[in-house]
């Protein structure tokens, strides 16, 4: 009897650990809605992207990059801007919040398109979740 209780506890703990691990480490796909392609004279590397969250950040981005972002309700959606390549996929995992100082943000893992278009910013609408790229994280 004691042996079966011990095995039950081992099985229960194993399942609990698996469920917790899956919850924190399963990639969550961010749905991106393509809304604009903005031409620029600047030659873009095709290696970076950023999330524009409003609160004046859009004006700062527009003045530093020399483009006008589309109108957006930042309380409903953030804008993701990819420089020089289309964003094919963006994911994050919940556990990455523990690995950096900003506990209200997630580290995004991007899949960019193969084709480099060095004079184009790609703009996407996404739900308002605070995601940043590896360069912004300082890792």
Protein backbone atom coordinates (compact mmCIF):
# COMPACT_ATOMS: atom_id res chain seq x y z
CA UNK A 1 0.00 0.00 0.00
CA UNK A 2 2.77 2.44 0.93
CA UNK A 3 4.53 1.59 -2.32
CA UNK A 4 1.45 2.44 -4.43
CA UNK A 5 0.98 5.74 -2.55
CA UNK A 6 4.63 6.62 -3.17
CA UNK A 7 4.25 5.86 -6.89
CA UNK A 8 1.06 7.93 -7.00
CA UNK A 9 2.88 10.88 -5.45
CA UNK A 10 5.78 10.50 -7.91
CA UNK A 11 3.39 10.38 -10.86
CA UNK A 12 1.39 13.37 -9.57
CA UNK A 13 4.54 15.46 -8.98
CA UNK A 14 5.91 14.51 -12.42
CA UNK A 15 2.68 15.54 -14.13
CA UNK A 16 2.57 18.82 -12.16
CA UNK A 17 6.15 19.66 -13.14
CA UNK A 18 5.40 18.87 -16.79
CA UNK A 19 2.27 21.06 -16.80
CA UNK A 20 4.10 23.97 -15.14
CA UNK A 21 7.01 23.63 -17.55
CA UNK A 22 4.69 23.58 -20.57
CA UNK A 23 2.78 26.62 -19.30
CA UNK A 24 5.94 28.69 -18.90
CA UNK A 25 8.02 27.45 -21.86
CA UNK A 26 5.55 26.74 -24.67
CA UNK A 27 5.95 29.48 -27.32
CA UNK A 28 2.95 31.77 -27.68
CA UNK A 29 2.40 33.10 -31.20
CA UNK A 30 1.62 36.81 -31.49
CA UNK A 31 -0.94 37.48 -34.22
CA UNK A 32 0.34 40.16 -36.57
CA UNK A 33 -1.86 42.08 -38.98
CA UNK A 34 0.10 43.66 -41.82
CA UNK A 35 -1.14 47.23 -42.26
CA UNK A 36 1.55 49.15 -44.17
CA UNK A 37 4.81 49.10 -46.10
CA UNK A 38 6.58 52.43 -45.70
CA UNK A 39 9.28 53.39 -48.21
CA UNK A 40 12.37 55.18 -46.94
CA UNK A 41 15.56 56.54 -48.45
CA UNK A 42 17.53 55.05 -45.57
CA UNK A 43 19.22 51.70 -46.25
CA UNK A 44 17.90 49.25 -43.66
CA UNK A 45 19.81 46.16 -42.51
CA UNK A 46 16.81 43.85 -42.25
CA UNK A 47 17.87 42.63 -38.83
CA UNK A 48 15.86 44.68 -36.34
CA UNK A 49 12.31 45.37 -35.30
CA UNK A 50 10.62 47.31 -32.54
CA UNK A 51 7.22 47.69 -30.92
CA UNK A 52 5.68 51.18 -30.87
CA UNK A 53 3.37 51.55 -27.86
CA UNK A 54 2.10 55.11 -28.19
CA UNK A 55 2.56 57.75 -25.44
CA UNK A 56 4.70 59.85 -27.79
CA UNK A 57 6.89 56.90 -28.81
CA UNK A 58 5.34 56.99 -32.29
CA UNK A 59 6.40 60.62 -32.80
CA UNK A 60 9.93 59.79 -31.66
CA UNK A 61 10.08 56.85 -34.06
CA UNK A 62 8.70 58.96 -36.93
CA UNK A 63 11.22 61.75 -36.40
CA UNK A 64 14.21 59.42 -36.01
CA UNK A 65 13.29 57.23 -39.02
CA UNK A 66 11.76 59.87 -41.28
CA UNK A 67 8.48 58.02 -41.91
CA UNK A 68 4.86 58.56 -40.89
CA UNK A 69 3.23 55.65 -39.09
CA UNK A 70 -0.41 54.84 -39.85
CA UNK A 71 -3.09 56.10 -37.47
CA UNK A 72 -3.62 53.68 -34.61
CA UNK A 73 -5.56 53.40 -31.34
CA UNK A 74 -2.70 52.45 -29.01
CA UNK A 75 -5.09 51.49 -26.24
CA UNK A 76 -6.33 48.65 -28.48
CA UNK A 77 -3.25 47.73 -30.54
CA UNK A 78 0.48 48.36 -30.61
CA UNK A 79 2.41 48.69 -33.85
CA UNK A 80 5.35 46.45 -34.67
CA UNK A 81 7.81 47.88 -37.19
CA UNK A 82 10.26 45.61 -38.99
CA UNK A 83 13.10 47.29 -40.86
CA UNK A 84 13.96 45.80 -44.23
CA UNK A 85 12.36 42.34 -43.93
CA UNK A 86 8.83 41.09 -43.51
CA UNK A 87 8.03 39.56 -40.13
CA UNK A 88 6.82 36.02 -40.74
CA UNK A 89 6.26 35.05 -37.11
CA UNK A 90 6.71 36.41 -33.61
CA UNK A 91 6.57 34.29 -30.47
CA UNK A 92 7.39 34.64 -26.79
CA UNK A 93 7.47 32.40 -23.73
CA UNK A 94 6.09 33.34 -20.34
CA UNK A 95 9.25 32.27 -18.48
CA UNK A 96 11.44 34.91 -20.12
CA UNK A 97 9.94 37.46 -17.72
CA UNK A 98 12.12 35.96 -14.97
CA UNK A 99 15.34 36.33 -16.95
CA UNK A 100 15.54 40.11 -17.20
CA UNK A 101 14.85 43.14 -15.06
CA UNK A 102 11.61 44.28 -16.69
CA UNK A 103 9.02 41.86 -15.29
CA UNK A 104 6.21 43.44 -17.35
CA UNK A 105 7.76 42.60 -20.72
CA UNK A 106 8.51 39.53 -22.77
CA UNK A 107 11.47 38.74 -25.00
CA UNK A 108 10.24 38.16 -28.56
CA UNK A 109 11.61 35.53 -30.90
CA UNK A 110 11.13 36.56 -34.52
CA UNK A 111 11.14 34.76 -37.82
CA UNK A 112 11.96 37.22 -40.57
CA UNK A 113 11.44 36.72 -44.29
CA UNK A 114 14.42 35.79 -46.46
CA UNK A 115 14.04 38.65 -48.93
CA UNK A 116 15.82 41.85 -47.94
CA UNK A 117 14.05 45.03 -49.03
CA UNK A 118 16.52 47.60 -47.71
CA UNK A 119 14.33 50.67 -48.28
CA UNK A 120 11.08 49.49 -46.67
CA UNK A 121 9.64 49.50 -43.15
CA UNK A 122 6.94 46.87 -42.61
CA UNK A 123 4.25 47.85 -40.12
CA UNK A 124 2.03 45.35 -38.29
CA UNK A 125 -0.77 45.74 -35.79
CA UNK A 126 -0.66 43.48 -32.72
CA UNK A 127 -2.45 43.13 -29.41
CA UNK A 128 -1.07 45.37 -26.68
CA UNK A 129 1.59 43.15 -25.11
CA UNK A 130 4.99 44.47 -24.16
CA UNK A 131 7.53 42.57 -26.25
CA UNK A 132 11.06 43.60 -27.09
CA UNK A 133 13.86 42.15 -29.19
CA UNK A 134 17.18 40.71 -28.06
CA UNK A 135 19.11 43.92 -28.81
CA UNK A 136 16.74 45.95 -26.64
CA UNK A 137 17.06 43.40 -23.82
CA UNK A 138 20.80 43.91 -23.52
CA UNK A 139 21.55 40.17 -23.73
